[in-house]
Amino acid sequence: MSLGTILIIILILLLVGALPTWGHSRSWGYFPSGGLGLVLVVVIILVLLGRI
């Protein structure tokens, strides 16, 4: 597995954990999941371009 694939998997798991439907993150709102989603999109673009 390449570094990009591992990063994408970790970011997806963090994104699911930060969703406001879980009990521990209900008061956080959508900010953490939105920020992680943005990071995930950037990493996917970099992997597709071959930078990672």
PDB file of N, CA and C in Angstrom:
ATOM      1  N   MET A   1       0.839  -1.179   0.000  1.00  0.00           N
ATOM      2  CA  MET A   1       0.000   0.000   0.000  1.00  0.00           C
ATOM      3  C   MET A   1       0.885   1.244   0.000  1.00  0.00           C
ATOM      4  N   SER A   2       0.481   2.199  -0.765  1.00  0.00           N
ATOM      5  CA  SER A   2       1.261   3.429  -0.840  1.00  0.00           C
ATOM      6  C   SER A   2       0.867   4.377   0.293  1.00  0.00           C
ATOM      7  N   LEU A   3       1.663   5.398   0.472  1.00  0.00           N
ATOM      8  CA  LEU A   3       1.416   6.381   1.517  1.00  0.00           C
ATOM      9  C   LEU A   3       0.095   7.100   1.291  1.00  0.00           C
ATOM     10  N   GLY A   4      -0.232   7.404   0.043  1.00  0.00           N
ATOM     11  CA  GLY A   4      -1.486   8.088  -0.264  1.00  0.00           C
ATOM     12  C   GLY A   4      -2.700   7.273   0.122  1.00  0.00           C
ATOM     13  N   THR A   5      -2.661   5.980  -0.134  1.00  0.00           N
ATOM     14  CA  THR A   5      -3.784   5.110   0.208  1.00  0.00           C
ATOM     15  C   THR A   5      -3.972   5.038   1.719  1.00  0.00           C
ATOM     16  N   ILE A   6      -2.879   4.943   2.440  1.00  0.00           N
ATOM     17  CA  ILE A   6      -2.955   4.893   3.897  1.00  0.00           C
ATOM     18  C   ILE A   6      -3.510   6.208   4.446  1.00  0.00           C
ATOM     19  N   LEU A   7      -3.080   7.338   3.886  1.00  0.00           N
ATOM     20  CA  LEU A   7      -3.592   8.635   4.323  1.00  0.00           C
ATOM     21  C   LEU A   7      -5.086   8.769   4.069  1.00  0.00           C
ATOM     22  N   ILE A   8      -5.533   8.309   2.925  1.00  0.00           N
ATOM     23  CA  ILE A   8      -6.960   8.384   2.595  1.00  0.00           C
ATOM     24  C   ILE A   8      -7.776   7.534   3.559  1.00  0.00           C
ATOM     25  N   ILE A   9      -7.313   6.340   3.873  1.00  0.00           N
ATOM     26  CA  ILE A   9      -8.034   5.470   4.799  1.00  0.00           C
ATOM     27  C   ILE A   9      -8.110   6.093   6.186  1.00  0.00           C
ATOM     28  N   ILE A  10      -7.015   6.648   6.662  1.00  0.00           N
ATOM     29  CA  ILE A  10      -7.003   7.286   7.982  1.00  0.00           C
ATOM     30  C   ILE A  10      -7.927   8.489   8.010  1.00  0.00           C
ATOM     31  N   LEU A  11      -7.906   9.305   6.952  1.00  0.00           N
ATOM     32  CA  LEU A  11      -8.769  10.479   6.912  1.00  0.00           C
ATOM     33  C   LEU A  11     -10.245  10.117   6.853  1.00  0.00           C
ATOM     34  N   ILE A  12     -10.579   9.057   6.135  1.00  0.00           N
ATOM     35  CA  ILE A  12     -11.976   8.613   6.085  1.00  0.00           C
ATOM     36  C   ILE A  12     -12.437   8.146   7.463  1.00  0.00           C
ATOM     37  N   LEU A  13     -11.582   7.415   8.179  1.00  0.00           N
ATOM     38  CA  LEU A  13     -11.946   6.969   9.523  1.00  0.00           C
ATOM     39  C   LEU A  13     -12.112   8.154  10.472  1.00  0.00           C
ATOM     40  N   LEU A  14     -11.249   9.154  10.368  1.00  0.00           N
ATOM     41  CA  LEU A  14     -11.386  10.347  11.200  1.00  0.00           C
ATOM     42  C   LEU A  14     -12.646  11.117  10.859  1.00  0.00           C
ATOM     43  N   LEU A  15     -12.982  11.164   9.571  1.00  0.00           N
ATOM     44  CA  LEU A  15     -14.187  11.861   9.141  1.00  0.00           C
ATOM     45  C   LEU A  15     -15.440  11.199   9.701  1.00  0.00           C
ATOM     46  N   VAL A  16     -15.483   9.882   9.684  1.00  0.00           N
ATOM     47  CA  VAL A  16     -16.638   9.155  10.232  1.00  0.00           C
ATOM     48  C   VAL A  16     -16.711   9.357  11.745  1.00  0.00           C
ATOM     49  N   GLY A  17     -15.566   9.377  12.421  1.00  0.00           N
ATOM     50  CA  GLY A  17     -15.553   9.576  13.866  1.00  0.00           C
ATOM     51  C   GLY A  17     -15.952  10.975  14.286  1.00  0.00           C
ATOM     52  N   ALA A  18     -15.801  11.961  13.415  1.00  0.00           N
ATOM     53  CA  ALA A  18     -16.121  13.346  13.755  1.00  0.00           C
ATOM     54  C   ALA A  18     -17.529  13.752  13.358  1.00  0.00           C
ATOM     55  N   LEU A  19     -18.292  12.860  12.758  1.00  0.00           N
ATOM     56  CA  LEU A  19     -19.671  13.198  12.391  1.00  0.00           C
ATOM     57  C   LEU A  19     -20.483  13.512  13.645  1.00  0.00           C
ATOM     58  N   PRO A  20     -21.335  14.537  13.588  1.00  0.00           N
ATOM     59  CA  PRO A  20     -22.070  14.945  14.788  1.00  0.00           C
ATOM     60  C   PRO A  20     -23.186  13.999  15.211  1.00  0.00           C
ATOM     61  N   THR A  21     -23.327  12.848  14.572  1.00  0.00           N
ATOM     62  CA  THR A  21     -24.359  11.900  14.992  1.00  0.00           C
ATOM     63  C   THR A  21     -23.896  11.036  16.157  1.00  0.00           C
ATOM     64  N   TRP A  22     -22.593  10.990  16.423  1.00  0.00           N
ATOM     65  CA  TRP A  22     -22.070  10.207  17.538  1.00  0.00           C
ATOM     66  C   TRP A  22     -22.263  10.996  18.830  1.00  0.00           C
ATOM     67  N   GLY A  23     -22.386  10.304  19.940  1.00  0.00           N
ATOM     68  CA  GLY A  23     -22.627  10.947  21.219  1.00  0.00           C
ATOM     69  C   GLY A  23     -21.509  11.869  21.672  1.00  0.00           C
ATOM     70  N   HIS A  24     -20.263  11.464  21.444  1.00  0.00           N
ATOM     71  CA  HIS A  24     -19.135  12.263  21.928  1.00  0.00           C
ATOM     72  C   HIS A  24     -18.911  13.529  21.105  1.00  0.00           C
ATOM     73  N   SER A  25     -19.417  13.582  19.895  1.00  0.00           N
ATOM     74  CA  SER A  25     -19.150  14.736  19.031  1.00  0.00           C
ATOM     75  C   SER A  25     -20.416  15.522  18.683  1.00  0.00           C
ATOM     76  N   ARG A  26     -21.486  15.278  19.392  1.00  0.00           N
ATOM     77  CA  ARG A  26     -22.757  15.928  19.064  1.00  0.00           C
ATOM     78  C   ARG A  26     -22.697  17.444  19.249  1.00  0.00           C
ATOM     79  N   SER A  27     -21.969  17.923  20.249  1.00  0.00           N
ATOM     80  CA  SER A  27     -21.919  19.358  20.519  1.00  0.00           C
ATOM     81  C   SER A  27     -20.896  20.090  19.644  1.00  0.00           C
ATOM     82  N   TRP A  28     -20.113  19.369  18.869  1.00  0.00           N
ATOM     83  CA  TRP A  28     -19.080  19.993  18.032  1.00  0.00           C
ATOM     84  C   TRP A  28     -19.669  20.664  16.799  1.00  0.00           C
ATOM     85  N   GLY A  29     -20.815  20.220  16.337  1.00  0.00           N
ATOM     86  CA  GLY A  29     -21.381  20.742  15.101  1.00  0.00           C
ATOM     87  C   GLY A  29     -20.715  20.091  13.893  1.00  0.00           C
ATOM     88  N   TYR A  30     -20.773  20.767  12.757  1.00  0.00           N
ATOM     89  CA  TYR A  30     -20.224  20.204  11.527  1.00  0.00           C
ATOM     90  C   TYR A  30     -18.806  20.684  11.231  1.00  0.00           C
ATOM     91  N   PHE A  31     -18.218  21.512  12.084  1.00  0.00           N
ATOM     92  CA  PHE A  31     -16.891  22.051  11.792  1.00  0.00           C
ATOM     93  C   PHE A  31     -15.814  20.976  11.652  1.00  0.00           C
ATOM     94  N   PRO A  32     -15.657  20.025  12.590  1.00  0.00           N
ATOM     95  CA  PRO A  32     -14.587  19.033  12.435  1.00  0.00           C
ATOM     96  C   PRO A  32     -14.750  18.163  11.191  1.00  0.00           C
ATOM     97  N   SER A  33     -15.971  17.720  10.920  1.00  0.00           N
ATOM     98  CA  SER A  33     -16.163  16.859   9.758  1.00  0.00           C
ATOM     99  C   SER A  33     -15.968  17.641   8.460  1.00  0.00           C
ATOM    100  N   GLY A  34     -16.331  18.917   8.455  1.00  0.00           N
ATOM    101  CA  GLY A  34     -16.109  19.748   7.271  1.00  0.00           C
ATOM    102  C   GLY A  34     -14.630  19.982   7.023  1.00  0.00           C
ATOM    103  N   GLY A  35     -13.887  20.233   8.089  1.00  0.00           N
ATOM    104  CA  GLY A  35     -12.437  20.428   7.960  1.00  0.00           C
ATOM    105  C   GLY A  35     -11.729  19.164   7.511  1.00  0.00           C
ATOM    106  N   LEU A  36     -12.115  18.029   8.087  1.00  0.00           N
ATOM    107  CA  LEU A  36     -11.514  16.757   7.673  1.00  0.00           C
ATOM    108  C   LEU A  36     -11.903  16.398   6.247  1.00  0.00           C
ATOM    109  N   GLY A  37     -13.127  16.741   5.862  1.00  0.00           N
ATOM    110  CA  GLY A  37     -13.555  16.500   4.481  1.00  0.00           C
ATOM    111  C   GLY A  37     -12.723  17.302   3.498  1.00  0.00           C
ATOM    112  N   LEU A  38     -12.413  18.534   3.857  1.00  0.00           N
ATOM    113  CA  LEU A  38     -11.570  19.375   3.006  1.00  0.00           C
ATOM    114  C   LEU A  38     -10.160  18.799   2.889  1.00  0.00           C
ATOM    115  N   VAL A  39      -9.602  18.345   3.994  1.00  0.00           N
ATOM    116  CA  VAL A  39      -8.276  17.721   3.963  1.00  0.00           C
ATOM    117  C   VAL A  39      -8.304  16.454   3.124  1.00  0.00           C
ATOM    118  N   LEU A  40      -9.375  15.681   3.233  1.00  0.00           N
ATOM    119  CA  LEU A  40      -9.515  14.458   2.443  1.00  0.00           C
ATOM    120  C   LEU A  40      -9.554  14.764   0.958  1.00  0.00           C
ATOM    121  N   VAL A  41     -10.278  15.788   0.564  1.00  0.00           N
ATOM    122  CA  VAL A  41     -10.345  16.176  -0.854  1.00  0.00           C
ATOM    123  C   VAL A  41      -8.959  16.592  -1.358  1.00  0.00           C
ATOM    124  N   VAL A  42      -8.229  17.361  -0.564  1.00  0.00           N
ATOM    125  CA  VAL A  42      -6.885  17.790  -0.972  1.00  0.00           C
ATOM    126  C   VAL A  42      -5.964  16.591  -1.122  1.00  0.00           C
ATOM    127  N   VAL A  43      -6.016  15.643  -0.196  1.00  0.00           N
ATOM    128  CA  VAL A  43      -5.155  14.457  -0.283  1.00  0.00           C
ATOM    129  C   VAL A  43      -5.526  13.615  -1.496  1.00  0.00           C
ATOM    130  N   ILE A  44      -6.809  13.465  -1.780  1.00  0.00           N
ATOM    131  CA  ILE A  44      -7.224  12.695  -2.959  1.00  0.00           C
ATOM    132  C   ILE A  44      -6.722  13.363  -4.235  1.00  0.00           C
ATOM    133  N   ILE A  45      -6.823  14.689  -4.316  1.00  0.00           N
ATOM    134  CA  ILE A  45      -6.318  15.392  -5.493  1.00  0.00           C
ATOM    135  C   ILE A  45      -4.809  15.198  -5.639  1.00  0.00           C
ATOM    136  N   LEU A  46      -4.072  15.294  -4.538  1.00  0.00           N
ATOM    137  CA  LEU A  46      -2.624  15.101  -4.601  1.00  0.00           C
ATOM    138  C   LEU A  46      -2.254  13.673  -5.009  1.00  0.00           C
ATOM    139  N   VAL A  47      -3.024  12.687  -4.536  1.00  0.00           N
ATOM    140  CA  VAL A  47      -2.760  11.308  -4.935  1.00  0.00           C
ATOM    141  C   VAL A  47      -3.031  11.122  -6.426  1.00  0.00           C
ATOM    142  N   LEU A  48      -4.121  11.695  -6.917  1.00  0.00           N
ATOM    143  CA  LEU A  48      -4.453  11.567  -8.335  1.00  0.00           C
ATOM    144  C   LEU A  48      -3.434  12.257  -9.223  1.00  0.00           C
ATOM    145  N   LEU A  49      -2.860  13.359  -8.743  1.00  0.00           N
ATOM    146  CA  LEU A  49      -1.841  14.073  -9.513  1.00  0.00           C
ATOM    147  C   LEU A  49      -0.462  13.423  -9.398  1.00  0.00           C
ATOM    148  N   GLY A  50      -0.319  12.467  -8.480  1.00  0.00           N
ATOM    149  CA  GLY A  50       0.951  11.767  -8.326  1.00  0.00           C
ATOM    150  C   GLY A  50       1.948  12.494  -7.437  1.00  0.00           C
ATOM    151  N   ARG A  51       1.497  13.434  -6.637  1.00  0.00           N
ATOM    152  CA  ARG A  51       2.393  14.175  -5.744  1.00  0.00           C
ATOM    153  C   ARG A  51       2.704  13.414  -4.470  1.00  0.00           C
ATOM    154  N   ILE A  52       1.823  12.480  -4.070  1.00  0.00           N
ATOM    155  CA  ILE A  52       2.060  11.677  -2.864  1.00  0.00           C
ATOM    156  C   ILE A  52       2.250  10.235  -3.297  1.00  0.00           C
TER     157      ILE A  52
END
